[in-house]
Amino acid sequence: MISVYGASGFIGTRFCNLYADEVIKISRNERLPQSSEVLYLISTTHNYNIFSDPYVDIATNLTTLIETLEACKNTPGLVFNFVSSWFVYGKTESLPATESSHCNPKGFYSITKRSAEQLLISYCETFGINYRIFRLSNVYGETDSKVSGKRNALQHLINELANHRDINLYDDGANIRDFMYVHDVCRALKLCMTKMPVNDIINIGSGEPHRFRDMMEYSKKKLNSRGSLISIVPPKFHDIVQVKDMFLDVTKLKQMGFEQEYTIWEGLDKILETYK
């Protein structure tokens, strides 16, 4: 059985639905696991909290993590599977980013996710706990109910197009990203918990770079949207905390036999279908 922390979130909900007979949902305020296998998904989701509450990333991504580790550390045979993000890489020197690429994150969310990885490793080495770290690419899916301009911009902009509103694209949408449909992300997480060696880090993504404008043009056409794609200069804060281009090296994931079930276009079709 797998004790899932963050079971009510976007990825956690899909994972628990997909593997309902193998999971135990840990409630929001509970820290003690109910099995030796833990999947930890508790996290903030974007870099903009600094404007409303500069402490929330620290409290959620670091303090809650340590509280949970303290509660878990005496569990026999514990394996702590930690879900991280591609944001930890920051502005890397070359792409695709490999698990050994230098990490240079910017922004409170990105920095605290990288700090969480390092604290986890140090804690686990100190107390003899096995761990795995999963660095996810951009995750999308029609069941994500909290999309916004700050989080999951892909689906936020699709929603704007569906309502025939103009959308703004930074630098004409020339930036590239690595997207994976949430169903495939959950499958990859489960495979890694089954086959991946402990005390290691792995990238989970498609390994395929896609230009943002191409995805928007595809969505606009499919939706018959009257909205226009407008190129704008990114705001200063975006330049500070965000990278222009990113996609992941997923060699390790593919070596375990993982294959996507949904291409980016098939995943987009599932989202676009909800607007019909």
C-alpha atoms as a PDB file:
ATOM      1  CA  MET A   1       0.000   0.000   0.000  1.00  0.00           C
ATOM      2  CA  ILE A   2       1.042   3.601  -0.674  1.00  0.00           C
ATOM      3  CA  SER A   3       0.428   6.415   1.806  1.00  0.00           C
ATOM      4  CA  VAL A   4      -0.382   9.444  -0.358  1.00  0.00           C
ATOM      5  CA  TYR A   5       0.181  12.932   1.050  1.00  0.00           C
ATOM      6  CA  GLY A   6      -1.511  15.614  -1.035  1.00  0.00           C
ATOM      7  CA  ALA A   7      -4.151  13.157  -2.237  1.00  0.00           C
ATOM      8  CA  SER A   8      -6.718  15.896  -2.900  1.00  0.00           C
ATOM      9  CA  GLY A   9      -4.539  17.847  -5.344  1.00  0.00           C
ATOM     10  CA  PHE A  10      -4.594  17.671  -9.134  1.00  0.00           C
ATOM     11  CA  ILE A  11      -2.036  14.867  -9.488  1.00  0.00           C
ATOM     12  CA  GLY A  12      -2.870  13.209  -6.170  1.00  0.00           C
ATOM     13  CA  THR A  13      -6.555  12.880  -7.049  1.00  0.00           C
ATOM     14  CA  ARG A  14      -5.800  11.287 -10.412  1.00  0.00           C
ATOM     15  CA  PHE A  15      -3.205   8.951  -8.884  1.00  0.00           C
ATOM     16  CA  CYS A  16      -5.584   7.804  -6.149  1.00  0.00           C
ATOM     17  CA  ASN A  17      -8.392   7.232  -8.646  1.00  0.00           C
ATOM     18  CA  LEU A  18      -6.109   5.275 -10.947  1.00  0.00           C
ATOM     19  CA  TYR A  19      -4.702   3.055  -8.191  1.00  0.00           C
ATOM     20  CA  ALA A  20      -7.625   3.097  -5.767  1.00  0.00           C
ATOM     21  CA  ASP A  21      -6.955  -0.379  -4.379  1.00  0.00           C
ATOM     22  CA  GLU A  22      -3.314   0.405  -3.599  1.00  0.00           C
ATOM     23  CA  VAL A  23      -3.463   3.784  -1.849  1.00  0.00           C
ATOM     24  CA  ILE A  24      -4.211   5.193   1.581  1.00  0.00           C
ATOM     25  CA  LYS A  25      -5.131   8.878   1.500  1.00  0.00           C
ATOM     26  CA  ILE A  26      -3.444  10.803   4.302  1.00  0.00           C
ATOM     27  CA  SER A  27      -5.574  13.717   5.473  1.00  0.00           C
ATOM     28  CA  ARG A  28      -4.325  17.280   5.214  1.00  0.00           C
ATOM     29  CA  ASN A  29      -3.322  17.689   8.880  1.00  0.00           C
ATOM     30  CA  GLU A  30      -2.054  14.147   9.437  1.00  0.00           C
ATOM     31  CA  ARG A  31       1.673  13.420   9.341  1.00  0.00           C
ATOM     32  CA  LEU A  32       1.971   9.753  10.360  1.00  0.00           C
ATOM     33  CA  PRO A  33       2.082   7.320   7.403  1.00  0.00           C
ATOM     34  CA  GLN A  34      -0.038   4.177   7.286  1.00  0.00           C
ATOM     35  CA  SER A  35       2.364   2.152   5.169  1.00  0.00           C
ATOM     36  CA  SER A  36       6.081   1.921   4.483  1.00  0.00           C
ATOM     37  CA  GLU A  37       5.719   3.315   0.951  1.00  0.00           C
ATOM     38  CA  VAL A  38       5.045   7.066   0.874  1.00  0.00           C
ATOM     39  CA  LEU A  39       4.156   9.290  -2.074  1.00  0.00           C
ATOM     40  CA  TYR A  40       4.603  12.921  -1.054  1.00  0.00           C
ATOM     41  CA  LEU A  41       2.837  15.520  -3.220  1.00  0.00           C
ATOM     42  CA  ILE A  42       2.308  18.389  -0.760  1.00  0.00           C
ATOM     43  CA  SER A  43       3.571  21.597  -2.375  1.00  0.00           C
ATOM     44  CA  THR A  44       2.832  25.119  -3.468  1.00  0.00           C
ATOM     45  CA  THR A  45       2.524  25.466  -7.217  1.00  0.00           C
ATOM     46  CA  HIS A  46       3.972  28.760  -8.476  1.00  0.00           C
ATOM     47  CA  ASN A  47       6.438  31.573  -7.823  1.00  0.00           C
ATOM     48  CA  TYR A  48       3.912  34.380  -7.232  1.00  0.00           C
ATOM     49  CA  ASN A  49       3.220  33.809  -3.527  1.00  0.00           C
ATOM     50  CA  ILE A  50       5.973  36.296  -2.705  1.00  0.00           C
ATOM     51  CA  PHE A  51       3.494  39.102  -3.448  1.00  0.00           C
ATOM     52  CA  SER A  52       0.757  37.867  -1.105  1.00  0.00           C
ATOM     53  CA  ASP A  53       2.546  35.755   1.522  1.00  0.00           C
ATOM     54  CA  PRO A  54       6.340  35.359   1.286  1.00  0.00           C
ATOM     55  CA  TYR A  55       6.283  32.698   4.005  1.00  0.00           C
ATOM     56  CA  VAL A  56       3.865  30.233   2.417  1.00  0.00           C
ATOM     57  CA  ASP A  57       6.420  28.502   0.174  1.00  0.00           C
ATOM     58  CA  ILE A  58       8.754  28.032   3.131  1.00  0.00           C
ATOM     59  CA  ALA A  59       5.980  26.750   5.394  1.00  0.00           C
ATOM     60  CA  THR A  60       4.466  24.393   2.832  1.00  0.00           C
ATOM     61  CA  ASN A  61       7.495  23.135   0.946  1.00  0.00           C
ATOM     62  CA  LEU A  62       9.976  22.963   3.825  1.00  0.00           C
ATOM     63  CA  THR A  63       8.384  23.016   7.291  1.00  0.00           C
ATOM     64  CA  THR A  64       5.563  20.601   6.438  1.00  0.00           C
ATOM     65  CA  LEU A  65       8.053  18.292   4.753  1.00  0.00           C
ATOM     66  CA  ILE A  66      10.241  18.119   7.865  1.00  0.00           C
ATOM     67  CA  GLU A  67       7.206  17.568  10.079  1.00  0.00           C
ATOM     68  CA  THR A  68       6.223  14.642   7.873  1.00  0.00           C
ATOM     69  CA  LEU A  69       9.724  13.171   7.839  1.00  0.00           C
ATOM     70  CA  GLU A  70       9.828  13.376  11.630  1.00  0.00           C
ATOM     71  CA  ALA A  71       6.568  11.441  11.784  1.00  0.00           C
ATOM     72  CA  CYS A  72       7.780   8.905   9.215  1.00  0.00           C
ATOM     73  CA  LYS A  73      11.317   8.211  10.380  1.00  0.00           C
ATOM     74  CA  ASN A  74      10.517   5.300  12.713  1.00  0.00           C
ATOM     75  CA  THR A  75       8.439   3.428  10.118  1.00  0.00           C
ATOM     76  CA  PRO A  76      10.201   0.115   9.322  1.00  0.00           C
ATOM     77  CA  GLY A  77      11.336  -0.182   5.678  1.00  0.00           C
ATOM     78  CA  LEU A  78      10.199   3.348   4.822  1.00  0.00           C
ATOM     79  CA  VAL A  79      10.659   4.565   1.236  1.00  0.00           C
ATOM     80  CA  PHE A  80       9.899   8.280   0.860  1.00  0.00           C
ATOM     81  CA  ASN A  81       8.924   9.137  -2.720  1.00  0.00           C
ATOM     82  CA  PHE A  82       9.147  12.910  -3.133  1.00  0.00           C
ATOM     83  CA  VAL A  83       7.529  14.719  -6.055  1.00  0.00           C
ATOM     84  CA  SER A  84       9.617  17.673  -7.176  1.00  0.00           C
ATOM     85  CA  SER A  85       9.596  19.871 -10.272  1.00  0.00           C
ATOM     86  CA  TRP A  86      11.619  20.856 -13.312  1.00  0.00           C
ATOM     87  CA  PHE A  87      11.653  24.351 -11.775  1.00  0.00           C
ATOM     88  CA  VAL A  88      14.611  23.267  -9.621  1.00  0.00           C
ATOM     89  CA  TYR A  89      16.876  23.405 -12.695  1.00  0.00           C
ATOM     90  CA  GLY A  90      16.365  27.104 -13.268  1.00  0.00           C
ATOM     91  CA  LYS A  91      18.444  28.582 -16.072  1.00  0.00           C
ATOM     92  CA  THR A  92      20.483  25.568 -17.142  1.00  0.00           C
ATOM     93  CA  GLU A  93      23.396  25.907 -19.548  1.00  0.00           C
ATOM     94  CA  SER A  94      22.224  23.213 -21.964  1.00  0.00           C
ATOM     95  CA  LEU A  95      19.093  21.269 -22.854  1.00  0.00           C
ATOM     96  CA  PRO A  96      17.627  18.791 -22.360  1.00  0.00           C
ATOM     97  CA  ALA A  97      18.153  18.989 -18.596  1.00  0.00           C
ATOM     98  CA  THR A  98      19.513  15.775 -17.146  1.00  0.00           C
ATOM     99  CA  GLU A  99      19.262  14.669 -13.552  1.00  0.00           C
ATOM    100  CA  SER A 100      22.894  15.728 -13.089  1.00  0.00           C
ATOM    101  CA  SER A 101      22.435  19.198 -14.616  1.00  0.00           C
ATOM    102  CA  HIS A 102      23.430  22.105 -12.390  1.00  0.00           C
ATOM    103  CA  CYS A 103      20.443  23.530 -10.509  1.00  0.00           C
ATOM    104  CA  ASN A 104      20.119  27.310 -10.375  1.00  0.00           C
ATOM    105  CA  PRO A 105      16.487  28.011  -9.431  1.00  0.00           C
ATOM    106  CA  LYS A 106      14.982  31.499  -9.167  1.00  0.00           C
ATOM    107  CA  GLY A 107      11.818  32.444  -7.303  1.00  0.00           C
ATOM    108  CA  PHE A 108      10.549  31.301  -3.905  1.00  0.00           C
ATOM    109  CA  TYR A 109       8.677  28.248  -5.192  1.00  0.00           C
ATOM    110  CA  SER A 110      11.605  27.033  -7.288  1.00  0.00           C
ATOM    111  CA  ILE A 111      14.202  27.651  -4.588  1.00  0.00           C
ATOM    112  CA  THR A 112      12.190  25.976  -1.830  1.00  0.00           C
ATOM    113  CA  LYS A 113      11.554  22.925  -4.031  1.00  0.00           C
ATOM    114  CA  ARG A 114      15.295  22.563  -4.572  1.00  0.00           C
ATOM    115  CA  SER A 115      15.932  23.162  -0.866  1.00  0.00           C
ATOM    116  CA  ALA A 116      13.329  20.510  -0.060  1.00  0.00           C
ATOM    117  CA  GLU A 117      15.236  18.012  -2.202  1.00  0.00           C
ATOM    118  CA  GLN A 118      18.469  18.785  -0.389  1.00  0.00           C
ATOM    119  CA  LEU A 119      16.880  18.676   3.066  1.00  0.00           C
ATOM    120  CA  LEU A 120      15.218  15.373   2.190  1.00  0.00           C
ATOM    121  CA  ILE A 121      18.488  13.823   1.069  1.00  0.00           C
ATOM    122  CA  SER A 122      20.345  15.035   4.157  1.00  0.00           C
ATOM    123  CA  TYR A 123      17.573  13.872   6.502  1.00  0.00           C
ATOM    124  CA  CYS A 124      17.295  10.453   4.868  1.00  0.00           C
ATOM    125  CA  GLU A 125      21.054   9.897   4.880  1.00  0.00           C
ATOM    126  CA  THR A 126      21.200  10.905   8.554  1.00  0.00           C
ATOM    127  CA  PHE A 127      18.451   8.513   9.665  1.00  0.00           C
ATOM    128  CA  GLY A 128      19.006   5.693   7.171  1.00  0.00           C
ATOM    129  CA  ILE A 129      15.782   6.255   5.194  1.00  0.00           C
ATOM    130  CA  ASN A 130      15.435   5.321   1.535  1.00  0.00           C
ATOM    131  CA  TYR A 131      14.074   7.956  -0.823  1.00  0.00           C
ATOM    132  CA  ARG A 132      13.338   8.739  -4.459  1.00  0.00           C
ATOM    133  CA  ILE A 133      12.983  12.179  -6.041  1.00  0.00           C
ATOM    134  CA  PHE A 134      10.760  12.688  -9.087  1.00  0.00           C
ATOM    135  CA  ARG A 135      11.266  15.888 -11.088  1.00  0.00           C
ATOM    136  CA  LEU A 136       8.105  16.454 -13.109  1.00  0.00           C
ATOM    137  CA  SER A 137       7.770  18.363 -16.356  1.00  0.00           C
ATOM    138  CA  ASN A 138       4.709  20.581 -16.955  1.00  0.00           C
ATOM    139  CA  VAL A 139       1.633  18.520 -16.069  1.00  0.00           C
ATOM    140  CA  TYR A 140      -1.744  19.193 -17.691  1.00  0.00           C
ATOM    141  CA  GLY A 141      -5.171  17.584 -17.869  1.00  0.00           C
ATOM    142  CA  GLU A 142      -8.852  18.388 -18.066  1.00  0.00           C
ATOM    143  CA  THR A 143      -9.400  17.714 -14.344  1.00  0.00           C
ATOM    144  CA  ASP A 144      -7.134  20.554 -13.175  1.00  0.00           C
ATOM    145  CA  SER A 145      -9.590  22.942 -11.559  1.00  0.00           C
ATOM    146  CA  LYS A 146      -7.106  25.584 -10.357  1.00  0.00           C
ATOM    147  CA  VAL A 147      -5.572  26.854 -13.579  1.00  0.00           C
ATOM    148  CA  SER A 148      -4.630  30.521 -13.776  1.00  0.00           C
ATOM    149  CA  GLY A 149      -2.125  32.846 -15.352  1.00  0.00           C
ATOM    150  CA  LYS A 150       0.229  31.907 -12.509  1.00  0.00           C
ATOM    151  CA  ARG A 151      -0.289  28.149 -12.599  1.00  0.00           C
ATOM    152  CA  ASN A 152      -0.844  25.936 -15.660  1.00  0.00           C
ATOM    153  CA  ALA A 153      -0.888  28.839 -18.087  1.00  0.00           C
ATOM    154  CA  LEU A 154      -1.471  26.414 -20.953  1.00  0.00           C
ATOM    155  CA  GLN A 155      -4.987  25.583 -19.802  1.00  0.00           C
ATOM    156  CA  HIS A 156      -5.695  29.104 -18.621  1.00  0.00           C
ATOM    157  CA  LEU A 157      -5.030  30.416 -22.109  1.00  0.00           C
ATOM    158  CA  ILE A 158      -7.073  27.629 -23.687  1.00  0.00           C
ATOM    159  CA  ASN A 159      -9.984  28.712 -21.496  1.00  0.00           C
ATOM    160  CA  GLU A 160      -9.555  32.293 -22.694  1.00  0.00           C
ATOM    161  CA  LEU A 161      -9.590  31.141 -26.323  1.00  0.00           C
ATOM    162  CA  ALA A 162     -12.664  28.998 -25.670  1.00  0.00           C
ATOM    163  CA  ASN A 163     -14.405  32.175 -24.536  1.00  0.00           C
ATOM    164  CA  HIS A 164     -13.234  33.994 -27.679  1.00  0.00           C
ATOM    165  CA  ARG A 165     -10.923  36.306 -25.756  1.00  0.00           C
ATOM    166  CA  ASP A 166      -7.544  37.519 -26.986  1.00  0.00           C
ATOM    167  CA  ILE A 167      -4.518  35.959 -25.282  1.00  0.00           C
ATOM    168  CA  ASN A 168      -1.090  37.429 -24.620  1.00  0.00           C
ATOM    169  CA  LEU A 169       1.959  35.317 -25.434  1.00  0.00           C
ATOM    170  CA  TYR A 170       5.341  36.238 -23.993  1.00  0.00           C
ATOM    171  CA  ASP A 171       7.854  36.734 -26.822  1.00  0.00           C
ATOM    172  CA  ASP A 172       5.236  35.572 -29.355  1.00  0.00           C
ATOM    173  CA  GLY A 173       5.049  32.160 -27.668  1.00  0.00           C
ATOM    174  CA  ALA A 174       8.484  31.164 -28.940  1.00  0.00           C
ATOM    175  CA  ASN A 175       9.493  29.511 -25.667  1.00  0.00           C
ATOM    176  CA  ILE A 176       9.529  25.722 -25.457  1.00  0.00           C
ATOM    177  CA  ARG A 177       8.244  23.426 -22.744  1.00  0.00           C
ATOM    178  CA  ASP A 178       7.980  19.726 -21.933  1.00  0.00           C
ATOM    179  CA  PHE A 179       4.365  18.703 -21.256  1.00  0.00           C
ATOM    180  CA  MET A 180       2.995  15.389 -20.013  1.00  0.00           C
ATOM    181  CA  TYR A 181      -0.663  14.466 -19.618  1.00  0.00           C
ATOM    182  CA  VAL A 182      -1.601  13.806 -15.976  1.00  0.00           C
ATOM    183  CA  HIS A 183      -2.637  10.191 -16.627  1.00  0.00           C
ATOM    184  CA  ASP A 184       0.823   9.423 -17.990  1.00  0.00           C
ATOM    185  CA  VAL A 185       2.479  11.259 -15.095  1.00  0.00           C
ATOM    186  CA  CYS A 186       0.649   9.023 -12.633  1.00  0.00           C
ATOM    187  CA  ARG A 187       1.621   5.921 -14.585  1.00  0.00           C
ATOM    188  CA  ALA A 188       5.244   7.066 -14.566  1.00  0.00           C
ATOM    189  CA  LEU A 189       5.168   7.707 -10.810  1.00  0.00           C
ATOM    190  CA  LYS A 190       3.802   4.225 -10.165  1.00  0.00           C
ATOM    191  CA  LEU A 191       6.367   2.612 -12.445  1.00  0.00           C
ATOM    192  CA  CYS A 192       9.201   4.465 -10.724  1.00  0.00           C
ATOM    193  CA  MET A 193       7.993   3.382  -7.297  1.00  0.00           C
ATOM    194  CA  THR A 194       7.998  -0.188  -8.574  1.00  0.00           C
ATOM    195  CA  LYS A 195      11.217  -0.357 -10.590  1.00  0.00           C
ATOM    196  CA  MET A 196      13.445   2.623  -9.820  1.00  0.00           C
ATOM    197  CA  PRO A 197      16.402   2.151  -7.448  1.00  0.00           C
ATOM    198  CA  VAL A 198      16.147   4.015  -4.162  1.00  0.00           C
ATOM    199  CA  ASN A 199      18.228   7.050  -3.232  1.00  0.00           C
ATOM    200  CA  ASP A 200      18.164   8.485  -6.736  1.00  0.00           C
ATOM    201  CA  ILE A 201      16.600  11.288  -8.789  1.00  0.00           C
ATOM    202  CA  ILE A 202      14.662  10.889 -12.037  1.00  0.00           C
ATOM    203  CA  ASN A 203      13.055  13.211 -14.595  1.00  0.00           C
ATOM    204  CA  ILE A 204       9.443  12.482 -15.482  1.00  0.00           C
ATOM    205  CA  GLY A 205       8.258  14.086 -18.697  1.00  0.00           C
ATOM    206  CA  SER A 206       7.820  13.520 -22.406  1.00  0.00           C
ATOM    207  CA  GLY A 207      11.375  14.520 -23.277  1.00  0.00           C
ATOM    208  CA  GLU A 208       9.884  16.403 -26.235  1.00  0.00           C
ATOM    209  CA  PRO A 209      10.183  20.188 -26.679  1.00  0.00           C
ATOM    210  CA  HIS A 210       7.031  21.927 -27.877  1.00  0.00           C
ATOM    211  CA  ARG A 211       6.705  25.583 -28.811  1.00  0.00           C
ATOM    212  CA  PHE A 212       4.002  27.331 -26.811  1.00  0.00           C
ATOM    213  CA  ARG A 213       2.621  29.216 -29.804  1.00  0.00           C
ATOM    214  CA  ASP A 214       2.156  25.964 -31.745  1.00  0.00           C
ATOM    215  CA  MET A 215      -0.042  24.592 -28.971  1.00  0.00           C
ATOM    216  CA  MET A 216      -2.059  27.803 -28.844  1.00  0.00           C
ATOM    217  CA  GLU A 217      -2.565  27.885 -32.600  1.00  0.00           C
ATOM    218  CA  TYR A 218      -3.681  24.253 -32.519  1.00  0.00           C
ATOM    219  CA  SER A 219      -6.166  25.011 -29.729  1.00  0.00           C
ATOM    220  CA  LYS A 220      -7.469  28.167 -31.434  1.00  0.00           C
ATOM    221  CA  LYS A 221      -8.170  26.227 -34.619  1.00  0.00           C
ATOM    222  CA  LYS A 222      -9.867  23.339 -32.841  1.00  0.00           C
ATOM    223  CA  LEU A 223     -12.043  25.710 -30.817  1.00  0.00           C
ATOM    224  CA  ASN A 224     -12.885  27.933 -33.796  1.00  0.00           C
ATOM    225  CA  SER A 225     -11.943  30.746 -31.473  1.00  0.00           C
ATOM    226  CA  ARG A 226     -12.293  34.384 -32.463  1.00  0.00           C
ATOM    227  CA  GLY A 227      -9.586  35.297 -29.957  1.00  0.00           C
ATOM    228  CA  SER A 228      -6.279  36.592 -31.262  1.00  0.00           C
ATOM    229  CA  LEU A 229      -2.731  35.636 -30.256  1.00  0.00           C
ATOM    230  CA  ILE A 230      -0.895  38.792 -29.214  1.00  0.00           C
ATOM    231  CA  SER A 231       2.849  38.930 -28.637  1.00  0.00           C
ATOM    232  CA  ILE A 232       3.970  40.899 -25.585  1.00  0.00           C
ATOM    233  CA  VAL A 233       7.212  41.518 -23.747  1.00  0.00           C
ATOM    234  CA  PRO A 234       7.420  39.446 -20.533  1.00  0.00           C
ATOM    235  CA  PRO A 235       7.145  41.446 -17.307  1.00  0.00           C
ATOM    236  CA  LYS A 236      10.303  41.945 -15.279  1.00  0.00           C
ATOM    237  CA  PHE A 237       9.283  39.457 -12.569  1.00  0.00           C
ATOM    238  CA  HIS A 238       8.794  36.736 -15.181  1.00  0.00           C
ATOM    239  CA  ASP A 239      12.319  37.347 -16.464  1.00  0.00           C
ATOM    240  CA  ILE A 240      13.665  37.091 -12.919  1.00  0.00           C
ATOM    241  CA  VAL A 241      12.041  33.806 -11.894  1.00  0.00           C
ATOM    242  CA  GLN A 242      11.264  31.942 -15.119  1.00  0.00           C
ATOM    243  CA  VAL A 243      13.390  30.301 -17.770  1.00  0.00           C
ATOM    244  CA  LYS A 244      12.748  30.842 -21.457  1.00  0.00           C
ATOM    245  CA  ASP A 245      13.114  27.235 -22.623  1.00  0.00           C
ATOM    246  CA  MET A 246      13.010  23.873 -20.861  1.00  0.00           C
ATOM    247  CA  PHE A 247      12.638  20.222 -21.662  1.00  0.00           C
ATOM    248  CA  LEU A 248      13.870  17.151 -19.847  1.00  0.00           C
ATOM    249  CA  ASP A 249      16.170  14.260 -20.634  1.00  0.00           C
ATOM    250  CA  VAL A 250      14.051  11.194 -19.822  1.00  0.00           C
ATOM    251  CA  THR A 251      16.570   8.497 -20.731  1.00  0.00           C
ATOM    252  CA  LYS A 252      16.362   6.909 -17.276  1.00  0.00           C
ATOM    253  CA  LEU A 253      12.565   6.788 -17.420  1.00  0.00           C
ATOM    254  CA  LYS A 254      12.561   5.169 -20.863  1.00  0.00           C
ATOM    255  CA  GLN A 255      15.169   2.639 -19.762  1.00  0.00           C
ATOM    256  CA  MET A 256      12.605   1.342 -17.275  1.00  0.00           C
ATOM    257  CA  GLY A 257      10.258   0.685 -20.198  1.00  0.00           C
ATOM    258  CA  PHE A 258       7.957   3.674 -19.835  1.00  0.00           C
ATOM    259  CA  GLU A 259       5.940   4.766 -22.858  1.00  0.00           C
ATOM    260  CA  GLN A 260       3.431   7.599 -23.012  1.00  0.00           C
ATOM    261  CA  GLU A 261      -0.158   6.769 -23.832  1.00  0.00           C
ATOM    262  CA  TYR A 262      -0.988  10.355 -24.869  1.00  0.00           C
ATOM    263  CA  THR A 263       0.921  12.694 -27.158  1.00  0.00           C
ATOM    264  CA  ILE A 264       0.665  16.421 -26.456  1.00  0.00           C
ATOM    265  CA  TRP A 265      -1.926  16.726 -29.220  1.00  0.00           C
ATOM    266  CA  GLU A 266      -4.042  13.857 -27.908  1.00  0.00           C
ATOM    267  CA  GLY A 267      -3.886  15.345 -24.432  1.00  0.00           C
ATOM    268  CA  LEU A 268      -4.908  18.749 -25.756  1.00  0.00           C
ATOM    269  CA  ASP A 269      -7.823  17.136 -27.578  1.00  0.00           C
ATOM    270  CA  LYS A 270      -9.096  15.741 -24.273  1.00  0.00           C
ATOM    271  CA  ILE A 271      -9.031  19.233 -22.770  1.00  0.00           C
ATOM    272  CA  LEU A 272     -10.587  20.858 -25.824  1.00  0.00           C
ATOM    273  CA  GLU A 273     -13.363  18.253 -25.854  1.00  0.00           C
ATOM    274  CA  THR A 274     -14.614  19.610 -22.519  1.00  0.00           C
ATOM    275  CA  TYR A 275     -15.512  22.889 -24.235  1.00  0.00           C
ATOM    276  CA  LYS A 276     -17.782  21.305 -26.823  1.00  0.00           C
END
